[in-house]
Amino acid sequence: MYLKVLLADATPDLPVERLLFHPEVLRRAREAQARGLDTVLATATLQSVAEPIAQYLGVFSHVLGTVHTNLKGAAKLDAIQTVLDNRPFAYMGDSSADVPVWRGAAEAVIVATSARGRTLQQGFTAEVIARPAATFATWRRALRVHQWTKNLLVLLPVIAGHRWLDQAALHAALIAALAASLLASSVYLANDLLDLHADRSKGGDRQRPIADGRIPYGHAVLASLGLCALAFALLGLIPDAVRGPLALLMLAYVGANAAYSMALKRVVILDVILLSTMYLWRILLGSVATGIMLSDWLLAFSVFFFLGLASAKRCIELGRLPAGAGPATSGHTGRGYQATDLPVVREIGIGSSLVSILVLALYLKDEQTASLYQRPQLLWGVVMLALYWVARLWVLVARGRVESDPVEFATRDGVTFAVALAAGLSLLAAL
């Protein structure tokens, strides 16, 4: 009861229009209202919270909520019978706390998945309005499994250091990559929970599984915590010497993402820089896990290349804003950008991408490069292919052909796979 009051005080202006309402429940309530029947919203939620919801929906003749006594179970049944003068009623609910109400109703309707509906029927017969359970595909989308390709960057120190035949280093890198994938999915779920209001606003991503109600909040919280715990548990498969530093890096990732979601994503340019460091974090994770030191060339290339990708992602979002839109009208994205910022962000992104290719070209002149490759001049094939890929990406972004995260686009782009294959062959030829 005390917690309910605290939560209500924390959100005095409840954004009712962003709440989810079951369409079949609303249809039946409207049908009963049209027939002149009493329709009652009875909830354990505070009366002060229930009233604006009922006013917004406009289908209830009575509103019963918690005032002094928590209105659930038998207390809710008594309140309904009182307001209806003990007339027979039909009750729709979705919680085990509603069992006493269903038992006292003339008609019981359970709004839940089919399996839970059968579980809730305790000594009474009920109709079940089935709410589809989350499928494997639903969870795969919520966990952003397609984003796990980013964690291949954990293997980059092994590849760049020519240690791909070192079984101990490869094992540590693969474990670290799996831990990074689980941790990233945990963070994605947490971010979706934090971004519920933005996702459900006009223009927001209402189709995300948590935002549209396909995955219940409680399930998302448990999954997020479970994945996080499993990610840290995997560190037990990595040598003791690096376990502590890896755990600190993973904690830093969680902290940086929390800061990003709650505040920094609204800070212009800083948000893009922080996004690019998330890519760099994966390379650092691989370096610490394997004990392979990163060269300054690799770090410099990574900083500029991933800043370019992060800028491209922001350009895609800015390209969807109407002309003249400012921070107020772009608030559904949770960003602080204006539509007029698009040219500047695009220039930053294109410039960073081209600088990364320049760093890659200068790497070919380094003495250490000559010692690693028998035919380093063949690495110019990698440089030219990388130049082609980033230039093509920016042309597609400008044309509006990239509709999502550039990394997600790359995982579905045949040209990207062809470029990667050709670059790999050039790299092997140079050895």
Protein backbone atom coordinates (compact mmCIF):
# COMPACT_ATOMS: atom_id res chain seq x y z
CA MET A 1 0.00 0.00 0.00
CA TYR A 2 2.80 2.40 0.96
CA LEU A 3 4.71 1.48 -2.21
CA LYS A 4 1.63 2.22 -4.33
CA VAL A 5 1.39 5.70 -2.84
CA LEU A 6 5.09 6.33 -3.46
CA LEU A 7 4.82 5.24 -7.09
CA ALA A 8 1.69 7.32 -7.65
CA ASP A 9 3.38 10.38 -6.15
CA ALA A 10 6.40 9.80 -8.39
CA THR A 11 4.20 9.89 -11.51
CA PRO A 12 1.54 12.58 -10.87
CA ASP A 13 0.93 13.05 -14.61
CA LEU A 14 0.29 9.48 -15.68
CA PRO A 15 0.65 9.18 -19.49
CA VAL A 16 -2.56 7.19 -19.87
CA GLU A 17 -2.39 7.27 -23.66
CA ARG A 18 0.80 5.18 -23.53
CA LEU A 19 -0.69 2.33 -21.49
CA LEU A 20 -1.65 -0.98 -23.09
CA PHE A 21 -5.30 -2.06 -23.10
CA HIS A 22 -6.55 -5.46 -24.20
CA PRO A 23 -8.68 -4.85 -27.32
CA GLU A 24 -11.15 -7.69 -26.62
CA VAL A 25 -11.73 -6.50 -23.04
CA LEU A 26 -12.44 -2.99 -24.29
CA ARG A 27 -14.75 -4.33 -27.00
CA ARG A 28 -16.84 -6.21 -24.45
CA ALA A 29 -16.95 -3.22 -22.10
CA ARG A 30 -18.16 -0.97 -24.91
CA GLU A 31 -20.76 -3.55 -25.92
CA ALA A 32 -22.09 -3.72 -22.34
CA GLN A 33 -22.15 0.08 -22.15
CA ALA A 34 -24.14 0.25 -25.41
CA ARG A 35 -26.71 -2.16 -23.92
CA GLY A 36 -27.17 0.18 -20.95
CA LEU A 37 -25.49 -2.13 -18.45
CA ASP A 38 -23.35 -0.94 -15.54
CA THR A 39 -19.64 -1.26 -16.30
CA VAL A 40 -17.25 -1.18 -13.37
CA LEU A 41 -13.49 -0.70 -13.35
CA ALA A 42 -12.46 -2.50 -10.14
CA THR A 43 -8.74 -2.52 -9.42
CA ALA A 44 -6.26 -2.72 -6.57
CA THR A 45 -4.57 0.31 -8.13
CA LEU A 46 -5.03 3.58 -6.25
CA GLN A 47 -8.32 5.34 -6.93
CA SER A 48 -6.39 8.45 -7.97
CA VAL A 49 -4.66 6.38 -10.68
CA ALA A 50 -7.72 4.42 -11.81
CA GLU A 51 -9.92 7.49 -12.35
CA PRO A 52 -7.87 9.12 -15.15
CA ILE A 53 -7.62 5.73 -16.88
CA ALA A 54 -11.41 5.29 -16.74
CA GLN A 55 -11.93 8.86 -17.94
CA TYR A 56 -9.57 8.29 -20.87
CA LEU A 57 -11.31 5.06 -21.95
CA GLY A 58 -14.82 6.41 -21.40
CA VAL A 59 -16.49 3.00 -21.04
CA PHE A 60 -17.00 2.69 -17.26
CA SER A 61 -19.97 3.87 -15.22
CA HIS A 62 -18.21 3.18 -11.89
CA VAL A 63 -14.58 3.27 -10.78
CA LEU A 64 -13.44 1.30 -7.73
CA GLY A 65 -9.82 1.62 -6.62
CA THR A 66 -7.70 1.44 -3.50
CA VAL A 67 -8.23 4.30 -1.05
CA HIS A 68 -7.68 3.14 2.52
CA THR A 69 -7.91 -0.62 2.03
CA ASN A 70 -6.08 -2.56 -0.68
CA LEU A 71 -8.92 -3.41 -3.08
CA LYS A 72 -8.11 -6.98 -4.04
CA GLY A 73 -9.57 -10.42 -3.45
CA ALA A 74 -12.56 -10.53 -1.12
CA ALA A 75 -12.41 -6.75 -0.57
CA LYS A 76 -12.86 -6.18 -4.31
CA LEU A 77 -15.81 -8.59 -4.41
CA ASP A 78 -17.52 -6.75 -1.54
CA ALA A 79 -17.01 -3.38 -3.26
CA ILE A 80 -18.45 -4.65 -6.57
CA GLN A 81 -21.48 -6.22 -4.89
CA THR A 82 -22.11 -3.01 -2.98
CA VAL A 83 -22.02 -0.71 -6.00
CA LEU A 84 -24.23 -3.12 -8.00
CA ASP A 85 -26.70 -3.75 -5.13
CA ASN A 86 -25.83 -7.45 -5.21
CA ARG A 87 -27.01 -7.86 -8.81
CA PRO A 88 -25.38 -10.67 -10.83
CA PHE A 89 -22.30 -9.56 -12.74
CA ALA A 90 -19.65 -10.82 -15.12
CA TYR A 91 -16.04 -10.26 -14.13
CA MET A 92 -12.94 -10.12 -16.33
CA GLY A 93 -9.54 -10.37 -14.62
CA ASP A 94 -6.06 -11.80 -15.01
CA SER A 95 -4.63 -12.39 -11.54
CA SER A 96 -4.77 -15.16 -8.94
CA ALA A 97 -5.94 -12.46 -6.52
CA ASP A 98 -9.17 -12.33 -8.58
CA VAL A 99 -10.18 -15.90 -7.70
CA PRO A 100 -12.62 -14.79 -4.92
CA VAL A 101 -14.23 -12.34 -7.35
CA TRP A 102 -14.63 -14.98 -10.06
CA ARG A 103 -16.23 -17.34 -7.54
CA GLY A 104 -18.75 -14.67 -6.58
CA ALA A 105 -19.52 -13.68 -10.19
CA ALA A 106 -22.33 -15.00 -12.37
CA GLU A 107 -19.90 -15.19 -15.26
CA ALA A 108 -16.12 -15.51 -14.99
CA VAL A 109 -13.76 -14.43 -17.76
CA ILE A 110 -10.00 -14.94 -17.44
CA VAL A 111 -7.69 -12.81 -19.57
CA ALA A 112 -4.45 -14.77 -19.79
CA THR A 113 -2.57 -17.32 -21.84
CA SER A 114 -4.45 -20.59 -22.26
CA ALA A 115 -2.10 -22.43 -19.88
CA ARG A 116 -2.38 -19.81 -17.13
CA GLY A 117 -6.15 -19.62 -17.66
CA ARG A 118 -6.45 -23.32 -16.82
CA THR A 119 -4.28 -22.83 -13.74
CA LEU A 120 -6.41 -19.96 -12.43
CA GLN A 121 -9.69 -21.92 -12.60
CA GLN A 122 -10.02 -23.02 -8.97
CA GLY A 123 -13.51 -24.37 -8.30
CA PHE A 124 -15.33 -22.33 -10.93
CA THR A 125 -15.96 -22.46 -14.66
CA ALA A 126 -14.57 -19.61 -16.74
CA GLU A 127 -14.17 -18.42 -20.28
CA VAL A 128 -10.56 -17.71 -21.20
CA ILE A 129 -9.69 -14.80 -23.48
CA ALA A 130 -6.38 -16.19 -24.62
CA ARG A 131 -3.45 -13.82 -24.64
CA PRO A 132 -0.80 -15.30 -26.93
CA ALA A 133 2.32 -16.44 -25.12
CA ALA A 134 5.67 -15.07 -26.24
CA THR A 135 7.19 -17.31 -28.91
CA PHE A 136 10.82 -18.14 -29.53
CA ALA A 137 10.83 -15.56 -32.34
CA THR A 138 9.41 -12.95 -29.94
CA TRP A 139 12.15 -13.53 -27.40
CA ARG A 140 14.80 -13.63 -30.13
CA ARG A 141 13.72 -10.15 -31.22
CA ALA A 142 13.60 -8.83 -27.65
CA LEU A 143 17.07 -10.22 -26.92
CA ARG A 144 18.38 -8.68 -30.18
CA VAL A 145 20.13 -11.93 -31.10
CA HIS A 146 21.00 -10.38 -34.48
CA GLN A 147 23.13 -7.85 -32.57
CA TRP A 148 25.33 -10.64 -31.25
CA THR A 149 27.36 -10.29 -34.45
CA LYS A 150 28.90 -7.20 -32.83
CA ASN A 151 30.54 -9.49 -30.30
CA LEU A 152 32.69 -11.06 -32.99
CA LEU A 153 34.84 -8.01 -32.26
CA VAL A 154 35.94 -9.84 -29.11
CA LEU A 155 37.88 -12.16 -31.45
CA LEU A 156 39.66 -9.27 -33.19
CA PRO A 157 42.76 -9.27 -30.92
CA VAL A 158 43.24 -13.00 -31.71
CA ILE A 159 42.94 -12.33 -35.45
CA ALA A 160 45.04 -9.16 -35.49
CA GLY A 161 47.70 -10.82 -33.32
CA HIS A 162 47.84 -13.88 -35.64
CA ARG A 163 46.97 -16.13 -32.69
CA TRP A 164 44.06 -18.02 -34.25
CA LEU A 165 45.89 -21.33 -33.77
CA ASP A 166 46.43 -20.64 -30.06
CA GLN A 167 43.71 -22.83 -28.54
CA ALA A 168 43.90 -21.25 -25.07
CA ALA A 169 43.54 -17.72 -26.46
CA LEU A 170 40.76 -18.76 -28.83
CA HIS A 171 38.87 -20.54 -26.03
CA ALA A 172 39.10 -17.50 -23.75
CA ALA A 173 37.98 -15.18 -26.55
CA LEU A 174 34.97 -17.36 -27.42
CA ILE A 175 33.86 -17.54 -23.78
CA ALA A 176 34.24 -13.77 -23.48
CA ALA A 177 32.23 -13.28 -26.69
CA LEU A 178 29.41 -15.48 -25.37
CA ALA A 179 29.44 -13.63 -22.04
CA ALA A 180 29.31 -10.31 -23.92
CA SER A 181 26.33 -11.54 -25.96
CA LEU A 182 24.36 -12.60 -22.89
CA LEU A 183 25.23 -9.38 -21.08
CA ALA A 184 24.22 -7.28 -24.09
CA SER A 185 20.84 -9.05 -24.30
CA SER A 186 20.33 -8.43 -20.59
CA VAL A 187 21.01 -4.74 -21.13
CA TYR A 188 18.71 -4.60 -24.18
CA LEU A 189 15.83 -5.92 -22.07
CA ALA A 190 16.57 -3.42 -19.30
CA ASN A 191 16.75 -0.56 -21.82
CA ASP A 192 13.41 -1.58 -23.35
CA LEU A 193 11.84 -1.49 -19.89
CA LEU A 194 13.28 1.98 -19.29
CA ASP A 195 12.16 3.16 -22.75
CA LEU A 196 8.57 1.93 -22.51
CA HIS A 197 7.03 5.41 -22.60
CA ALA A 198 9.16 6.54 -25.53
CA ASP A 199 8.45 3.33 -27.45
CA ARG A 200 4.70 3.69 -26.97
CA SER A 201 4.57 7.35 -27.90
CA LYS A 202 3.55 8.55 -31.32
CA GLY A 203 6.37 7.66 -33.66
CA GLY A 204 8.01 5.42 -31.07
CA ASP A 205 8.84 1.77 -31.62
CA ARG A 206 5.50 0.34 -30.44
CA GLN A 207 6.27 -3.02 -32.06
CA ARG A 208 8.98 -3.96 -29.61
CA PRO A 209 7.87 -7.12 -27.74
CA ILE A 210 7.83 -5.48 -24.30
CA ALA A 211 6.24 -2.24 -25.49
CA ASP A 212 3.37 -4.03 -27.24
CA GLY A 213 2.76 -6.40 -24.33
CA ARG A 214 3.82 -9.68 -25.93
CA ILE A 215 6.44 -10.10 -23.21
CA PRO A 216 5.16 -9.24 -19.69
CA TYR A 217 7.23 -6.82 -17.63
CA GLY A 218 7.92 -9.40 -14.93
CA HIS A 219 9.21 -11.94 -17.43
CA ALA A 220 11.48 -9.31 -18.98
CA VAL A 221 12.92 -8.36 -15.58
CA LEU A 222 13.61 -11.99 -14.64
CA ALA A 223 15.17 -12.71 -18.04
CA SER A 224 17.38 -9.62 -17.81
CA LEU A 225 18.63 -10.56 -14.34
CA GLY A 226 19.10 -14.21 -15.32
CA LEU A 227 21.11 -13.40 -18.45
CA CYS A 228 23.30 -10.97 -16.50
CA ALA A 229 23.99 -13.60 -13.84
CA LEU A 230 24.77 -16.22 -16.48
CA ALA A 231 27.16 -13.85 -18.27
CA PHE A 232 29.18 -13.34 -15.10
CA ALA A 233 29.02 -17.07 -14.28
CA LEU A 234 30.73 -17.83 -17.61
CA LEU A 235 33.82 -16.02 -16.33
CA GLY A 236 34.42 -19.13 -14.22
CA LEU A 237 35.54 -20.84 -17.44
CA ILE A 238 38.30 -18.28 -17.98
CA PRO A 239 41.72 -18.33 -16.20
CA ASP A 240 41.75 -16.76 -12.74
CA ALA A 241 44.35 -14.16 -13.70
CA VAL A 242 41.98 -12.30 -16.03
CA ARG A 243 38.66 -13.06 -14.32
CA GLY A 244 38.72 -9.96 -12.11
CA PRO A 245 39.59 -7.47 -14.87
CA LEU A 246 36.94 -9.01 -17.13
CA ALA A 247 34.31 -8.68 -14.41
CA LEU A 248 35.23 -5.01 -13.96
CA LEU A 249 34.95 -4.42 -17.72
CA MET A 250 31.52 -6.04 -17.76
CA LEU A 251 30.37 -3.96 -14.80
CA ALA A 252 31.63 -0.87 -16.60
CA TYR A 253 29.54 -1.88 -19.63
CA VAL A 254 26.40 -2.21 -17.51
CA GLY A 255 27.09 1.13 -15.81
CA ALA A 256 27.78 2.93 -19.09
CA ASN A 257 24.57 1.58 -20.62
CA ALA A 258 22.57 2.61 -17.57
CA ALA A 259 24.02 6.13 -17.76
CA TYR A 260 23.30 6.22 -21.48
CA SER A 261 19.68 5.09 -21.13
CA MET A 262 18.83 7.38 -18.22
CA ALA A 263 20.64 10.58 -19.24
CA LEU A 264 23.52 10.57 -21.71
CA LYS A 265 21.49 9.57 -24.77
CA ARG A 266 19.96 13.05 -24.62
CA VAL A 267 23.36 14.77 -24.73
CA VAL A 268 24.14 15.70 -28.33
CA ILE A 269 27.36 14.17 -29.78
CA LEU A 270 28.32 12.65 -26.40
CA ASP A 271 25.70 9.98 -27.05
CA VAL A 272 27.37 9.07 -30.36
CA ILE A 273 30.82 8.94 -28.79
CA LEU A 274 29.51 6.67 -26.01
CA LEU A 275 27.87 4.38 -28.58
CA SER A 276 31.18 4.07 -30.43
CA THR A 277 33.00 3.15 -27.21
CA MET A 278 30.59 0.23 -26.80
CA TYR A 279 32.19 -1.28 -29.90
CA LEU A 280 35.67 -0.55 -28.58
CA TRP A 281 34.68 -2.18 -25.27
CA ARG A 282 34.24 -5.51 -27.08
CA ILE A 283 37.75 -5.35 -28.48
CA LEU A 284 39.15 -4.51 -25.04
CA LEU A 285 37.23 -7.46 -23.59
CA GLY A 286 38.93 -9.77 -26.09
CA SER A 287 42.32 -8.25 -25.33
CA VAL A 288 41.96 -8.75 -21.57
CA ALA A 289 40.53 -12.27 -21.93
CA THR A 290 43.41 -13.44 -24.15
CA GLY A 291 46.23 -11.32 -22.77
CA ILE A 292 46.98 -10.02 -26.28
CA MET A 293 48.01 -6.36 -26.26
CA LEU A 294 46.24 -4.07 -28.70
CA SER A 295 48.32 -2.02 -31.10
CA ASP A 296 47.86 1.74 -31.35
CA TRP A 297 46.93 1.23 -35.00
CA LEU A 298 44.03 -1.06 -34.13
CA LEU A 299 42.79 1.28 -31.40
CA ALA A 300 42.96 4.33 -33.68
CA PHE A 301 41.17 2.52 -36.50
CA SER A 302 38.48 1.26 -34.12
CA VAL A 303 37.81 4.68 -32.57
CA PHE A 304 37.15 6.39 -35.90
CA PHE A 305 35.46 3.47 -37.66
CA PHE A 306 32.93 2.90 -34.90
CA LEU A 307 32.32 6.62 -34.43
CA GLY A 308 31.35 6.57 -38.11
CA LEU A 309 28.90 3.68 -37.54
CA ALA A 310 27.36 5.35 -34.48
CA SER A 311 26.94 8.59 -36.43
CA ALA A 312 25.28 6.69 -39.28
CA LYS A 313 22.77 5.24 -36.84
CA ARG A 314 21.91 8.71 -35.57
CA CYS A 315 21.64 10.05 -39.13
CA ILE A 316 19.09 7.34 -39.91
CA GLU A 317 16.96 8.51 -36.97
CA LEU A 318 17.34 12.19 -37.85
CA GLY A 319 16.35 11.46 -41.44
CA ARG A 320 12.91 10.36 -40.20
CA LEU A 321 12.19 13.67 -38.44
CA PRO A 322 10.01 16.26 -40.20
CA ALA A 323 11.80 19.35 -41.49
CA GLY A 324 12.26 21.95 -38.77
CA ALA A 325 11.72 19.47 -35.94
CA GLY A 326 13.44 20.46 -32.73
CA PRO A 327 14.18 18.60 -29.48
CA ALA A 328 10.55 18.92 -28.37
CA THR A 329 9.15 17.23 -31.47
CA SER A 330 11.86 14.59 -31.53
CA GLY A 331 11.34 13.75 -27.89
CA HIS A 332 9.84 10.35 -28.71
CA THR A 333 13.30 9.19 -29.71
CA GLY A 334 14.73 10.27 -26.37
CA ARG A 335 17.38 12.35 -28.15
CA GLY A 336 18.28 16.01 -28.00
CA TYR A 337 18.86 16.49 -31.73
CA GLN A 338 17.07 18.80 -34.15
CA ALA A 339 16.34 18.04 -37.78
CA THR A 340 18.83 20.73 -38.77
CA ASP A 341 21.61 18.75 -37.05
CA LEU A 342 21.53 16.08 -39.76
CA PRO A 343 24.17 17.66 -42.08
CA VAL A 344 26.59 18.16 -39.18
CA VAL A 345 26.18 14.62 -37.84
CA ARG A 346 26.54 13.26 -41.38
CA GLU A 347 29.80 15.19 -41.88
CA ILE A 348 31.14 13.91 -38.57
CA GLY A 349 30.24 10.34 -39.53
CA ILE A 350 31.64 10.46 -43.06
CA GLY A 351 34.81 12.17 -41.85
CA SER A 352 35.34 9.59 -39.10
CA SER A 353 34.76 6.73 -41.51
CA LEU A 354 37.31 8.07 -43.99
CA VAL A 355 39.87 8.77 -41.26
CA SER A 356 39.56 5.13 -40.16
CA ILE A 357 40.45 4.02 -43.69
CA LEU A 358 43.40 6.42 -43.69
CA VAL A 359 44.64 4.87 -40.44
CA LEU A 360 44.32 1.43 -42.03
CA ALA A 361 46.36 2.60 -45.04
CA LEU A 362 49.08 4.12 -42.82
CA TYR A 363 49.25 0.82 -40.91
CA LEU A 364 50.66 -0.77 -44.08
CA LYS A 365 53.76 1.43 -43.80
CA ASP A 366 54.46 0.36 -40.23
CA GLU A 367 57.60 -1.76 -39.67
CA GLN A 368 55.68 -4.20 -37.48
CA THR A 369 53.29 -4.86 -40.35
CA ALA A 370 56.14 -5.91 -42.59
CA SER A 371 57.26 -8.42 -39.96
CA LEU A 372 53.79 -9.99 -39.73
CA TYR A 373 53.11 -10.37 -43.45
CA GLN A 374 55.26 -11.76 -46.25
CA ARG A 375 53.42 -9.73 -48.88
CA PRO A 376 52.05 -6.67 -47.00
CA GLN A 377 51.42 -4.82 -50.28
CA LEU A 378 48.47 -7.18 -50.86
CA LEU A 379 46.78 -5.63 -47.83
CA TRP A 380 45.91 -2.69 -50.08
CA GLY A 381 43.08 -4.93 -51.24
CA VAL A 382 41.66 -4.81 -47.70
CA VAL A 383 42.04 -1.02 -47.64
CA MET A 384 40.22 -0.54 -50.93
CA LEU A 385 37.44 -2.93 -49.98
CA ALA A 386 36.95 -1.17 -46.65
CA LEU A 387 36.88 2.20 -48.44
CA TYR A 388 34.24 0.89 -50.82
CA TRP A 389 32.12 -0.50 -47.98
CA VAL A 390 32.01 2.68 -45.88
CA ALA A 391 31.44 4.91 -48.93
CA ARG A 392 28.58 2.70 -50.10
CA LEU A 393 27.08 2.65 -46.59
CA TRP A 394 26.92 6.43 -46.45
CA VAL A 395 25.36 6.66 -49.90
CA LEU A 396 22.67 4.17 -48.82
CA VAL A 397 22.09 6.09 -45.57
CA ALA A 398 21.65 9.33 -47.55
CA ARG A 399 19.16 7.59 -49.85
CA GLY A 400 17.17 6.27 -46.90
CA ARG A 401 17.96 2.67 -47.85
CA VAL A 402 19.30 1.75 -44.40
CA GLU A 403 16.26 1.62 -42.13
CA SER A 404 17.86 0.38 -38.94
CA ASP A 405 21.17 0.04 -37.13
CA PRO A 406 24.03 -0.18 -39.70
CA VAL A 407 25.28 -3.39 -38.08
CA GLU A 408 21.83 -4.96 -38.39
CA PHE A 409 21.74 -3.83 -42.01
CA ALA A 410 25.16 -5.40 -42.64
CA THR A 411 23.98 -8.78 -41.32
CA ARG A 412 21.31 -8.86 -44.05
CA ASP A 413 23.35 -7.28 -46.86
CA GLY A 414 24.79 -9.60 -49.49
CA VAL A 415 27.35 -7.01 -50.62
CA THR A 416 28.75 -6.85 -47.07
CA PHE A 417 29.31 -10.62 -47.05
CA ALA A 418 30.99 -10.46 -50.45
CA VAL A 419 33.28 -7.63 -49.28
CA ALA A 420 34.14 -9.53 -46.08
CA LEU A 421 34.99 -12.66 -48.08
CA ALA A 422 37.18 -10.73 -50.51
CA ALA A 423 38.94 -8.95 -47.63
CA GLY A 424 39.58 -12.29 -45.93
CA LEU A 425 41.12 -13.68 -49.10
CA SER A 426 43.35 -10.60 -49.46
CA LEU A 427 44.45 -11.02 -45.86
CA LEU A 428 45.32 -14.69 -46.38
CA ALA A 429 47.20 -13.88 -49.58
CA ALA A 430 49.30 -11.34 -47.72
CA LEU A 431 50.45 -13.83 -45.08
